[in-house]
N, C-alpha and C. Protein backbone atom coordinates (compact mmCIF):
# COMPACT_ATOMS: atom_id res chain seq x y z
N UNK A 1 0.86 -1.17 0.00
CA UNK A 1 0.00 0.00 0.00
C UNK A 1 0.90 1.23 0.00
N UNK A 2 0.58 2.19 -0.83
CA UNK A 2 1.37 3.41 -0.92
C UNK A 2 0.92 4.39 0.17
N UNK A 3 1.71 5.41 0.35
CA UNK A 3 1.35 6.44 1.33
C UNK A 3 0.07 7.14 0.92
N UNK A 4 -0.06 7.40 -0.37
CA UNK A 4 -1.29 8.05 -0.86
C UNK A 4 -2.49 7.15 -0.59
N UNK A 5 -2.36 5.84 -0.83
CA UNK A 5 -3.45 4.91 -0.56
C UNK A 5 -3.80 4.86 0.91
N UNK A 6 -2.76 4.88 1.76
CA UNK A 6 -3.00 4.88 3.21
C UNK A 6 -3.71 6.15 3.64
N UNK A 7 -3.30 7.28 3.08
CA UNK A 7 -3.98 8.55 3.41
C UNK A 7 -5.46 8.50 2.99
N UNK A 8 -5.72 7.96 1.79
CA UNK A 8 -7.10 7.86 1.31
C UNK A 8 -7.91 6.96 2.23
N UNK A 9 -7.33 5.85 2.67
CA UNK A 9 -8.02 4.94 3.58
C UNK A 9 -8.33 5.62 4.90
N UNK A 10 -7.35 6.33 5.47
CA UNK A 10 -7.57 7.02 6.73
C UNK A 10 -8.64 8.10 6.58
N UNK A 11 -8.63 8.80 5.45
CA UNK A 11 -9.64 9.82 5.21
C UNK A 11 -11.04 9.19 5.15
N UNK A 12 -11.15 8.05 4.48
CA UNK A 12 -12.44 7.36 4.37
C UNK A 12 -12.91 6.87 5.74
N UNK A 13 -11.96 6.38 6.56
CA UNK A 13 -12.33 5.93 7.92
C UNK A 13 -12.85 7.12 8.72
N UNK A 14 -12.15 8.24 8.64
CA UNK A 14 -12.60 9.44 9.36
C UNK A 14 -13.97 9.90 8.87
N UNK A 15 -14.20 9.82 7.56
CA UNK A 15 -15.48 10.25 6.98
C UNK A 15 -16.64 9.37 7.46
N UNK A 16 -16.37 8.09 7.70
CA UNK A 16 -17.44 7.16 8.06
C UNK A 16 -17.59 6.98 9.57
N UNK A 17 -16.91 7.75 10.37
CA UNK A 17 -17.14 7.64 11.82
C UNK A 17 -15.88 7.44 12.64
N UNK A 18 -14.73 7.35 12.00
CA UNK A 18 -13.46 7.29 12.71
C UNK A 18 -13.14 5.93 13.28
N UNK A 19 -12.19 5.89 14.20
CA UNK A 19 -11.71 4.63 14.76
C UNK A 19 -12.81 3.83 15.47
N UNK A 20 -13.77 4.52 16.07
CA UNK A 20 -14.84 3.80 16.78
C UNK A 20 -15.69 3.00 15.79
N UNK A 21 -15.97 3.57 14.63
CA UNK A 21 -16.73 2.85 13.60
C UNK A 21 -15.92 1.66 13.10
N UNK A 22 -14.61 1.83 12.99
CA UNK A 22 -13.77 0.72 12.54
C UNK A 22 -13.75 -0.40 13.57
N UNK A 23 -13.73 -0.07 14.86
CA UNK A 23 -13.75 -1.09 15.90
C UNK A 23 -15.05 -1.89 15.90
N UNK A 24 -16.12 -1.25 15.50
CA UNK A 24 -17.42 -1.92 15.49
C UNK A 24 -17.78 -2.46 14.10
N UNK A 25 -16.89 -2.48 13.20
CA UNK A 25 -17.05 -3.02 11.85
C UNK A 25 -18.23 -2.38 11.11
N UNK A 26 -18.40 -1.07 11.27
CA UNK A 26 -19.48 -0.37 10.59
C UNK A 26 -18.98 0.34 9.33
N UNK A 27 -17.76 0.12 8.92
CA UNK A 27 -17.21 0.81 7.76
C UNK A 27 -17.64 0.11 6.48
N UNK A 28 -17.90 0.88 5.44
CA UNK A 28 -18.20 0.36 4.11
C UNK A 28 -17.16 0.92 3.17
N UNK A 29 -16.04 0.22 3.07
CA UNK A 29 -14.93 0.71 2.25
C UNK A 29 -15.09 0.18 0.84
N UNK A 30 -14.78 1.01 -0.16
CA UNK A 30 -14.92 0.58 -1.56
C UNK A 30 -13.90 -0.51 -1.87
N UNK A 31 -14.29 -1.42 -2.73
CA UNK A 31 -13.41 -2.50 -3.17
C UNK A 31 -12.67 -2.01 -4.40
N UNK A 32 -11.35 -1.97 -4.33
CA UNK A 32 -10.53 -1.53 -5.45
C UNK A 32 -10.17 -2.75 -6.28
N UNK A 33 -10.90 -2.99 -7.36
CA UNK A 33 -10.73 -4.22 -8.15
C UNK A 33 -9.50 -4.16 -9.04
N UNK A 34 -8.97 -2.98 -9.32
CA UNK A 34 -7.81 -2.89 -10.19
C UNK A 34 -6.54 -3.35 -9.48
N UNK A 35 -6.47 -3.23 -8.20
CA UNK A 35 -5.25 -3.57 -7.47
C UNK A 35 -5.43 -4.84 -6.66
N UNK A 36 -6.45 -5.59 -6.89
CA UNK A 36 -6.66 -6.82 -6.14
C UNK A 36 -7.62 -6.58 -5.01
N UNK A 37 -7.92 -7.62 -4.26
CA UNK A 37 -8.91 -7.48 -3.19
C UNK A 37 -8.38 -6.57 -2.09
N UNK A 38 -9.27 -5.79 -1.56
CA UNK A 38 -8.93 -4.89 -0.47
C UNK A 38 -9.06 -5.66 0.84
N UNK A 39 -7.97 -5.84 1.57
CA UNK A 39 -8.07 -6.61 2.81
C UNK A 39 -8.97 -5.94 3.84
N UNK A 40 -9.15 -4.63 3.73
CA UNK A 40 -10.00 -3.95 4.69
C UNK A 40 -11.49 -4.23 4.42
N UNK A 41 -11.81 -4.62 3.16
CA UNK A 41 -13.21 -4.86 2.81
C UNK A 41 -13.62 -6.29 3.08
N UNK A 42 -12.68 -7.16 3.41
CA UNK A 42 -13.00 -8.55 3.67
C UNK A 42 -13.65 -8.69 5.04
N UNK A 43 -14.65 -9.55 5.16
CA UNK A 43 -15.26 -9.72 6.48
C UNK A 43 -14.28 -10.41 7.43
N UNK A 44 -14.29 -9.97 8.65
CA UNK A 44 -13.41 -10.55 9.67
C UNK A 44 -14.23 -11.58 10.43
N UNK A 45 -13.70 -12.79 10.57
CA UNK A 45 -14.47 -13.82 11.29
C UNK A 45 -14.65 -13.43 12.75
N UNK A 46 -15.82 -13.72 13.26
CA UNK A 46 -16.11 -13.47 14.66
C UNK A 46 -15.59 -14.64 15.49
N UNK A 47 -15.32 -14.42 16.74
CA UNK A 47 -14.79 -15.47 17.60
C UNK A 47 -15.74 -16.65 17.70
N UNK A 48 -17.02 -16.38 17.60
CA UNK A 48 -17.99 -17.48 17.72
C UNK A 48 -17.95 -18.42 16.52
N UNK A 49 -17.41 -17.94 15.37
CA UNK A 49 -17.37 -18.78 14.18
C UNK A 49 -16.12 -19.64 14.11
N UNK A 50 -15.16 -19.42 14.97
CA UNK A 50 -13.93 -20.22 14.97
C UNK A 50 -14.17 -21.46 15.81
N UNK A 51 -13.96 -22.63 15.22
CA UNK A 51 -14.20 -23.85 16.00
C UNK A 51 -13.18 -23.99 17.12
N UNK A 52 -13.62 -24.57 18.20
CA UNK A 52 -12.72 -24.78 19.32
C UNK A 52 -11.84 -25.97 19.04
N UNK A 53 -10.61 -25.86 19.43
CA UNK A 53 -9.68 -26.96 19.27
C UNK A 53 -9.76 -27.84 20.50
N UNK A 54 -9.67 -29.13 20.31
CA UNK A 54 -9.74 -29.99 21.50
C UNK A 54 -8.49 -29.81 22.36
N UNK A 55 -8.69 -29.78 23.65
CA UNK A 55 -7.58 -29.65 24.58
C UNK A 55 -6.93 -31.00 24.78
N UNK A 56 -5.64 -30.97 25.08
CA UNK A 56 -4.94 -32.22 25.37
C UNK A 56 -5.47 -32.78 26.67
N UNK A 57 -5.54 -34.07 26.71
CA UNK A 57 -6.02 -34.68 27.95
C UNK A 57 -5.00 -34.52 29.07
N UNK A 58 -3.72 -34.60 28.72
CA UNK A 58 -2.67 -34.36 29.73
C UNK A 58 -1.76 -33.28 29.18
N UNK A 59 -1.68 -32.17 29.86
CA UNK A 59 -0.82 -31.10 29.36
C UNK A 59 0.65 -31.53 29.39
N UNK A 60 1.39 -31.13 28.35
CA UNK A 60 2.81 -31.46 28.29
C UNK A 60 3.54 -30.64 29.34
N UNK A 61 4.35 -31.30 30.10
CA UNK A 61 5.12 -30.62 31.14
C UNK A 61 6.31 -29.92 30.50
N UNK A 62 6.38 -28.63 30.69
CA UNK A 62 7.52 -27.90 30.16
C UNK A 62 8.67 -28.03 31.16
N UNK A 63 9.87 -28.28 30.65
CA UNK A 63 10.99 -28.42 31.57
C UNK A 63 11.28 -27.08 32.24
N UNK A 64 11.50 -27.13 33.53
CA UNK A 64 11.83 -25.93 34.28
C UNK A 64 13.33 -25.68 34.18
N UNK A 65 13.73 -24.46 33.92
CA UNK A 65 15.17 -24.19 33.84
C UNK A 65 15.82 -24.39 35.22
N UNK A 66 16.99 -25.01 35.20
CA UNK A 66 17.73 -25.26 36.44
C UNK A 66 18.74 -24.15 36.66
N UNK A 67 19.00 -23.85 37.90
CA UNK A 67 20.12 -22.94 38.16
C UNK A 67 21.41 -23.58 37.65
N UNK A 68 22.39 -22.77 37.33
CA UNK A 68 23.63 -23.25 36.72
C UNK A 68 24.31 -24.30 37.58
N UNK A 69 24.37 -24.06 38.87
CA UNK A 69 25.02 -25.02 39.76
C UNK A 69 24.37 -26.39 39.71
N UNK A 70 23.04 -26.42 39.75
CA UNK A 70 22.33 -27.71 39.70
C UNK A 70 22.51 -28.37 38.33
N UNK A 71 22.51 -27.58 37.27
CA UNK A 71 22.69 -28.13 35.94
C UNK A 71 24.08 -28.75 35.79
N UNK A 72 25.10 -28.08 36.32
CA UNK A 72 26.45 -28.64 36.26
C UNK A 72 26.56 -29.91 37.08
N UNK A 73 25.92 -29.91 38.25
CA UNK A 73 25.94 -31.12 39.08
C UNK A 73 25.27 -32.27 38.33
N UNK A 74 24.13 -32.00 37.69
CA UNK A 74 23.44 -33.01 36.90
C UNK A 74 24.35 -33.53 35.80
N UNK A 75 25.06 -32.61 35.11
CA UNK A 75 25.96 -33.01 34.04
C UNK A 75 27.12 -33.83 34.55
N UNK A 76 27.67 -33.47 35.71
CA UNK A 76 28.79 -34.23 36.30
C UNK A 76 28.38 -35.65 36.65
N UNK A 77 27.14 -35.82 37.08
CA UNK A 77 26.67 -37.13 37.55
C UNK A 77 26.00 -37.95 36.46
N UNK A 78 25.91 -37.43 35.25
CA UNK A 78 25.21 -38.13 34.17
C UNK A 78 25.99 -39.37 33.72
N UNK A 79 25.25 -40.38 33.22
CA UNK A 79 25.87 -41.61 32.74
C UNK A 79 26.61 -41.41 31.42
N UNK A 80 26.14 -40.51 30.59
CA UNK A 80 26.72 -40.29 29.26
C UNK A 80 28.02 -39.49 29.39
N UNK A 81 29.16 -40.03 28.88
CA UNK A 81 30.42 -39.30 28.98
C UNK A 81 30.41 -37.98 28.21
N UNK A 82 29.61 -37.90 27.12
CA UNK A 82 29.53 -36.63 26.39
C UNK A 82 28.90 -35.54 27.25
N UNK A 83 27.90 -35.89 28.04
CA UNK A 83 27.25 -34.92 28.92
C UNK A 83 28.24 -34.48 30.00
N UNK A 84 29.00 -35.43 30.53
CA UNK A 84 30.01 -35.07 31.55
C UNK A 84 31.07 -34.14 30.96
N UNK A 85 31.49 -34.42 29.71
CA UNK A 85 32.46 -33.55 29.04
C UNK A 85 31.89 -32.14 28.84
N UNK A 86 30.62 -32.08 28.46
CA UNK A 86 29.98 -30.77 28.29
C UNK A 86 29.97 -30.01 29.61
N UNK A 87 29.68 -30.72 30.69
CA UNK A 87 29.67 -30.07 32.00
C UNK A 87 31.06 -29.54 32.36
N UNK A 88 32.09 -30.34 32.06
CA UNK A 88 33.46 -29.90 32.35
C UNK A 88 33.83 -28.68 31.52
N UNK A 89 33.46 -28.70 30.22
CA UNK A 89 33.75 -27.54 29.37
C UNK A 89 32.96 -26.31 29.84
N UNK A 90 31.75 -26.54 30.29
CA UNK A 90 30.94 -25.43 30.80
C UNK A 90 31.58 -24.83 32.04
N UNK A 91 32.12 -25.67 32.92
CA UNK A 91 32.79 -25.15 34.12
C UNK A 91 33.99 -24.30 33.73
N UNK A 92 34.78 -24.77 32.75
CA UNK A 92 35.95 -24.01 32.30
C UNK A 92 35.50 -22.67 31.70
N UNK A 93 34.46 -22.71 30.87
CA UNK A 93 33.96 -21.48 30.26
C UNK A 93 33.44 -20.52 31.33
N UNK A 94 32.72 -21.06 32.32
CA UNK A 94 32.20 -20.20 33.39
C UNK A 94 33.34 -19.58 34.20
N UNK A 95 34.38 -20.38 34.45
CA UNK A 95 35.54 -19.85 35.18
C UNK A 95 36.16 -18.69 34.40
N UNK A 96 36.32 -18.88 33.09
CA UNK A 96 36.86 -17.81 32.25
C UNK A 96 35.98 -16.58 32.25
N UNK A 97 34.66 -16.80 32.19
CA UNK A 97 33.74 -15.67 32.23
C UNK A 97 33.81 -14.93 33.56
N UNK A 98 33.92 -15.70 34.66
CA UNK A 98 34.02 -15.05 35.97
C UNK A 98 35.30 -14.21 36.07
N UNK A 99 36.40 -14.77 35.57
CA UNK A 99 37.67 -14.03 35.60
C UNK A 99 37.56 -12.75 34.78
N UNK A 100 36.99 -12.87 33.58
CA UNK A 100 36.86 -11.70 32.71
C UNK A 100 35.93 -10.66 33.32
N UNK A 101 34.83 -11.14 33.92
CA UNK A 101 33.88 -10.23 34.56
C UNK A 101 34.57 -9.47 35.69
N UNK A 102 35.32 -10.20 36.51
CA UNK A 102 36.03 -9.55 37.63
C UNK A 102 37.03 -8.52 37.11
N UNK A 103 37.77 -8.90 36.05
CA UNK A 103 38.75 -7.96 35.49
C UNK A 103 38.06 -6.73 34.92
N UNK A 104 36.95 -6.93 34.21
CA UNK A 104 36.21 -5.79 33.65
C UNK A 104 35.67 -4.88 34.75
N UNK A 105 35.19 -5.49 35.83
CA UNK A 105 34.69 -4.68 36.95
C UNK A 105 35.82 -3.85 37.55
N UNK A 106 36.98 -4.48 37.73
CA UNK A 106 38.11 -3.76 38.31
C UNK A 106 38.58 -2.66 37.37
N UNK A 107 38.64 -2.95 36.06
CA UNK A 107 39.04 -1.92 35.09
C UNK A 107 38.07 -0.74 35.09
N UNK A 108 36.79 -1.04 35.20
CA UNK A 108 35.80 0.05 35.25
C UNK A 108 36.00 0.90 36.50
N UNK A 109 36.26 0.24 37.63
CA UNK A 109 36.49 0.98 38.87
C UNK A 109 37.76 1.83 38.77
N UNK A 110 38.81 1.27 38.16
CA UNK A 110 40.06 2.02 37.99
C UNK A 110 39.83 3.23 37.08
N UNK A 111 39.11 3.03 35.99
CA UNK A 111 38.85 4.13 35.06
C UNK A 111 38.05 5.24 35.75
N UNK A 112 37.06 4.85 36.54
CA UNK A 112 36.26 5.84 37.26
C UNK A 112 37.11 6.60 38.27
N UNK A 113 37.97 5.86 38.99
CA UNK A 113 38.83 6.50 39.98
C UNK A 113 39.83 7.43 39.30
N UNK A 114 40.39 7.01 38.14
CA UNK A 114 41.33 7.86 37.41
C UNK A 114 40.65 9.15 36.99
N UNK A 115 39.41 9.02 36.50
CA UNK A 115 38.67 10.20 36.06
C UNK A 115 38.45 11.17 37.21
N UNK A 116 38.09 10.62 38.37
CA UNK A 116 37.88 11.47 39.54
C UNK A 116 39.18 12.13 39.98
N UNK A 117 40.28 11.36 39.96
CA UNK A 117 41.57 11.92 40.37
C UNK A 117 42.04 13.00 39.39
N UNK A 118 41.84 12.76 38.08
CA UNK A 118 42.23 13.77 37.10
C UNK A 118 41.42 15.05 37.27
N UNK A 119 40.15 14.90 37.57
CA UNK A 119 39.30 16.06 37.80
C UNK A 119 39.78 16.82 39.04
N UNK A 120 40.07 16.08 40.10
CA UNK A 120 40.55 16.72 41.34
C UNK A 120 41.90 17.39 41.10
N UNK A 121 42.80 16.74 40.35
CA UNK A 121 44.10 17.32 40.06
C UNK A 121 43.94 18.62 39.27
N UNK A 122 43.03 18.64 38.31
CA UNK A 122 42.78 19.86 37.54
C UNK A 122 42.29 20.98 38.44
N UNK A 123 41.42 20.64 39.40
CA UNK A 123 40.93 21.65 40.34
C UNK A 123 42.07 22.19 41.19
N UNK A 124 42.94 21.30 41.67
CA UNK A 124 44.07 21.71 42.51
C UNK A 124 45.03 22.58 41.71
N UNK A 125 45.32 22.19 40.48
CA UNK A 125 46.23 22.99 39.65
C UNK A 125 45.65 24.36 39.34
N UNK A 126 44.36 24.43 39.12
CA UNK A 126 43.73 25.72 38.86
C UNK A 126 43.82 26.61 40.10
N UNK A 127 43.58 26.03 41.26
CA UNK A 127 43.67 26.81 42.51
C UNK A 127 45.11 27.24 42.76
N UNK A 128 46.07 26.36 42.49
CA UNK A 128 47.47 26.70 42.67
C UNK A 128 47.87 27.85 41.76
N UNK A 129 47.37 27.83 40.52
CA UNK A 129 47.67 28.91 39.58
C UNK A 129 47.08 30.23 40.05
N UNK A 130 45.92 30.18 40.72
CA UNK A 130 45.32 31.41 41.24
C UNK A 130 46.15 32.00 42.37
N UNK A 131 46.70 31.13 43.21
CA UNK A 131 47.41 31.59 44.41
C UNK A 131 48.88 31.89 44.18
N UNK A 132 49.53 31.27 43.25
CA UNK A 132 50.97 31.42 43.04
C UNK A 132 51.27 32.79 42.46
N UNK A 133 52.37 33.39 42.93
CA UNK A 133 52.75 34.68 42.34
C UNK A 133 53.22 34.47 40.91
N UNK A 134 53.09 35.52 40.12
CA UNK A 134 53.48 35.43 38.72
C UNK A 134 54.99 35.21 38.63
N UNK A 135 55.39 34.32 37.80
CA UNK A 135 56.80 34.01 37.59
C UNK A 135 57.40 34.99 36.60
N UNK A 136 58.64 35.42 36.89
CA UNK A 136 59.35 36.28 35.95
C UNK A 136 59.82 35.42 34.79
N UNK A 137 59.75 35.97 33.63
CA UNK A 137 60.26 35.26 32.47
C UNK A 137 61.78 35.28 32.53
N UNK A 138 62.39 34.11 32.34
CA UNK A 138 63.84 34.04 32.37
C UNK A 138 64.39 34.62 31.09
N UNK A 139 65.36 35.47 31.26
CA UNK A 139 65.99 36.07 30.09
C UNK A 139 67.32 35.39 29.81
N UNK A 140 67.97 35.86 28.78
CA UNK A 140 69.28 35.32 28.44
C UNK A 140 70.31 35.83 29.43
N UNK A 141 71.34 35.03 29.64
CA UNK A 141 72.41 35.45 30.54
C UNK A 141 73.23 36.55 29.86
N UNK A 142 73.69 37.45 30.66
CA UNK A 142 74.55 38.51 30.11
C UNK A 142 75.90 37.90 29.77
N UNK A 143 76.48 38.37 28.70
CA UNK A 143 77.83 37.87 28.38
C UNK A 143 78.81 38.31 29.46
N UNK A 144 79.80 37.50 29.69
CA UNK A 144 80.79 37.82 30.74
C UNK A 144 81.73 38.91 30.25
N UNK A 145 82.29 39.64 31.20
CA UNK A 145 83.15 40.78 30.88
C UNK A 145 84.62 40.42 31.09
N UNK A 146 84.98 39.18 30.92
CA UNK A 146 86.37 38.72 31.10
C UNK A 146 86.59 37.50 30.22
N UNK A 147 87.80 37.20 29.87
CA UNK A 147 88.08 35.99 29.10
C UNK A 147 88.13 34.80 30.04
N UNK A 148 87.09 34.01 30.04
CA UNK A 148 86.93 32.92 31.01
C UNK A 148 88.07 31.92 30.92
N UNK A 149 88.48 31.55 29.72
CA UNK A 149 89.55 30.55 29.58
C UNK A 149 90.84 31.08 30.18
N UNK A 150 91.12 32.35 29.95
CA UNK A 150 92.35 32.96 30.48
C UNK A 150 92.30 33.03 32.01
N UNK A 151 91.11 33.37 32.56
CA UNK A 151 90.96 33.44 34.02
C UNK A 151 91.13 32.05 34.62
N UNK A 152 90.56 31.01 34.00
CA UNK A 152 90.69 29.65 34.52
C UNK A 152 92.16 29.19 34.49
N UNK A 153 92.83 29.52 33.39
CA UNK A 153 94.25 29.14 33.29
C UNK A 153 95.06 29.84 34.38
N UNK A 154 94.82 31.11 34.62
CA UNK A 154 95.52 31.86 35.66
C UNK A 154 95.23 31.23 37.03
N UNK A 155 93.91 30.87 37.28
CA UNK A 155 93.52 30.31 38.56
C UNK A 155 94.22 28.96 38.78
N UNK A 156 94.35 28.15 37.76
CA UNK A 156 95.01 26.85 37.89
C UNK A 156 96.49 27.05 38.18
N UNK A 157 97.11 27.98 37.46
CA UNK A 157 98.55 28.23 37.64
C UNK A 157 98.85 28.80 39.01
N UNK A 158 97.92 29.52 39.60
CA UNK A 158 98.16 30.18 40.90
C UNK A 158 97.46 29.47 42.05
N UNK A 159 97.01 28.23 41.84
CA UNK A 159 96.35 27.43 42.87
C UNK A 159 95.14 28.13 43.50
N UNK A 160 94.37 28.80 42.65
CA UNK A 160 93.12 29.42 43.11
C UNK A 160 91.99 28.46 42.72
N UNK A 161 91.11 28.16 43.67
CA UNK A 161 90.01 27.23 43.42
C UNK A 161 89.02 27.86 42.44
N UNK A 162 88.82 27.16 41.29
CA UNK A 162 87.92 27.67 40.25
C UNK A 162 87.25 26.48 39.56
N UNK A 163 85.92 26.52 39.41
CA UNK A 163 85.25 25.40 38.75
C UNK A 163 85.64 25.34 37.26
N UNK A 164 85.67 24.11 36.72
CA UNK A 164 86.09 23.92 35.33
C UNK A 164 85.00 24.32 34.33
N UNK A 165 83.76 24.35 34.77
CA UNK A 165 82.66 24.74 33.88
C UNK A 165 81.77 25.75 34.58
N UNK A 166 80.96 26.43 33.79
CA UNK A 166 80.02 27.41 34.33
C UNK A 166 80.68 28.76 34.50
N UNK A 167 79.99 29.63 35.18
CA UNK A 167 80.52 30.97 35.41
C UNK A 167 81.69 30.90 36.38
N UNK A 168 82.63 31.74 36.12
CA UNK A 168 83.78 31.85 37.03
C UNK A 168 83.32 32.72 38.20
N UNK A 169 83.54 32.27 39.43
CA UNK A 169 83.11 33.07 40.59
C UNK A 169 83.73 34.46 40.57
N UNK A 170 82.96 35.43 41.07
CA UNK A 170 83.39 36.83 41.07
C UNK A 170 84.70 37.02 41.83
N UNK A 171 84.86 36.32 42.93
CA UNK A 171 86.11 36.51 43.72
C UNK A 171 87.33 36.05 42.93
N UNK A 172 87.17 35.03 42.05
CA UNK A 172 88.29 34.57 41.22
C UNK A 172 88.57 35.62 40.15
N UNK A 173 87.50 36.18 39.54
CA UNK A 173 87.68 37.21 38.52
C UNK A 173 88.35 38.44 39.13
N UNK A 174 87.90 38.84 40.32
CA UNK A 174 88.49 40.00 40.99
C UNK A 174 89.96 39.76 41.31
N UNK A 175 90.30 38.55 41.77
CA UNK A 175 91.71 38.22 42.07
C UNK A 175 92.53 38.25 40.78
N UNK A 176 92.00 37.73 39.68
CA UNK A 176 92.71 37.75 38.40
C UNK A 176 92.96 39.18 37.95
N UNK A 177 91.93 40.04 38.05
CA UNK A 177 92.07 41.44 37.63
C UNK A 177 93.12 42.15 38.49
N UNK A 178 93.12 41.92 39.77
CA UNK A 178 94.07 42.56 40.67
C UNK A 178 95.48 42.07 40.37
N UNK A 179 95.62 40.78 40.09
CA UNK A 179 96.96 40.22 39.84
C UNK A 179 97.48 40.64 38.48
N UNK A 180 96.63 40.73 37.50
CA UNK A 180 97.11 41.05 36.14
C UNK A 180 96.91 42.51 35.77
N UNK A 181 96.11 43.21 36.57
CA UNK A 181 95.84 44.62 36.26
C UNK A 181 94.99 44.77 35.02
N UNK A 182 94.31 43.72 34.65
CA UNK A 182 93.52 43.73 33.43
C UNK A 182 92.08 44.10 33.70
N UNK A 183 91.49 44.81 32.78
CA UNK A 183 90.06 45.10 32.81
C UNK A 183 89.45 44.62 31.50
N UNK A 184 90.07 43.60 30.91
CA UNK A 184 89.68 43.11 29.58
C UNK A 184 88.26 42.59 29.59
N UNK A 185 87.58 42.79 28.48
CA UNK A 185 86.22 42.25 28.30
C UNK A 185 86.27 41.26 27.16
N UNK A 186 85.28 40.36 27.16
CA UNK A 186 85.20 39.38 26.05
C UNK A 186 85.37 38.00 26.58
N UNK A 187 85.32 37.03 25.70
CA UNK A 187 85.43 35.63 26.07
C UNK A 187 84.12 35.09 26.54
N UNK A 188 84.07 33.79 26.67
CA UNK A 188 82.86 33.11 27.15
C UNK A 188 83.25 32.10 28.19
N UNK A 189 82.30 31.70 28.97
CA UNK A 189 82.59 30.72 30.02
C UNK A 189 82.54 29.32 29.52
């Protein structure tokens, strides 16, 4: 049935009294012979015209489902070795399912806890950023005003304690200047 056909049918039902008329079988719908019999125009059998089926003298007993434990026990105690094997395989499968279920439960709990901790950490970091004083931007170091290699060589020759790397301490530079009378600039550390 097309949408247009369905709309026409609904319109005809509404015109003849609506859903209540349809429930009481008072509709007189036209028979569309070009498209085959109209199922809506066919008489619907009444319940009184349907013959009663004879009832079984003894109702068939439907098997009641057993709890898993009882079913496995039944399988373990069965005479048929195939049934016992099925019970053993079922126990192995159930053990695997229990292990996987437990692992999934623990993973879900870990994921939830991680989410809560990450949220709390973000809150703490935001609060810390509010309270912490603003940091100065680090700039480049100023170039040294002495030839570092020359000062280190002088310090080694004169048994003055001087680190081999990094900035030369001011007291070493001052001692070098006083000893050499130099005010030279340049060099790197």
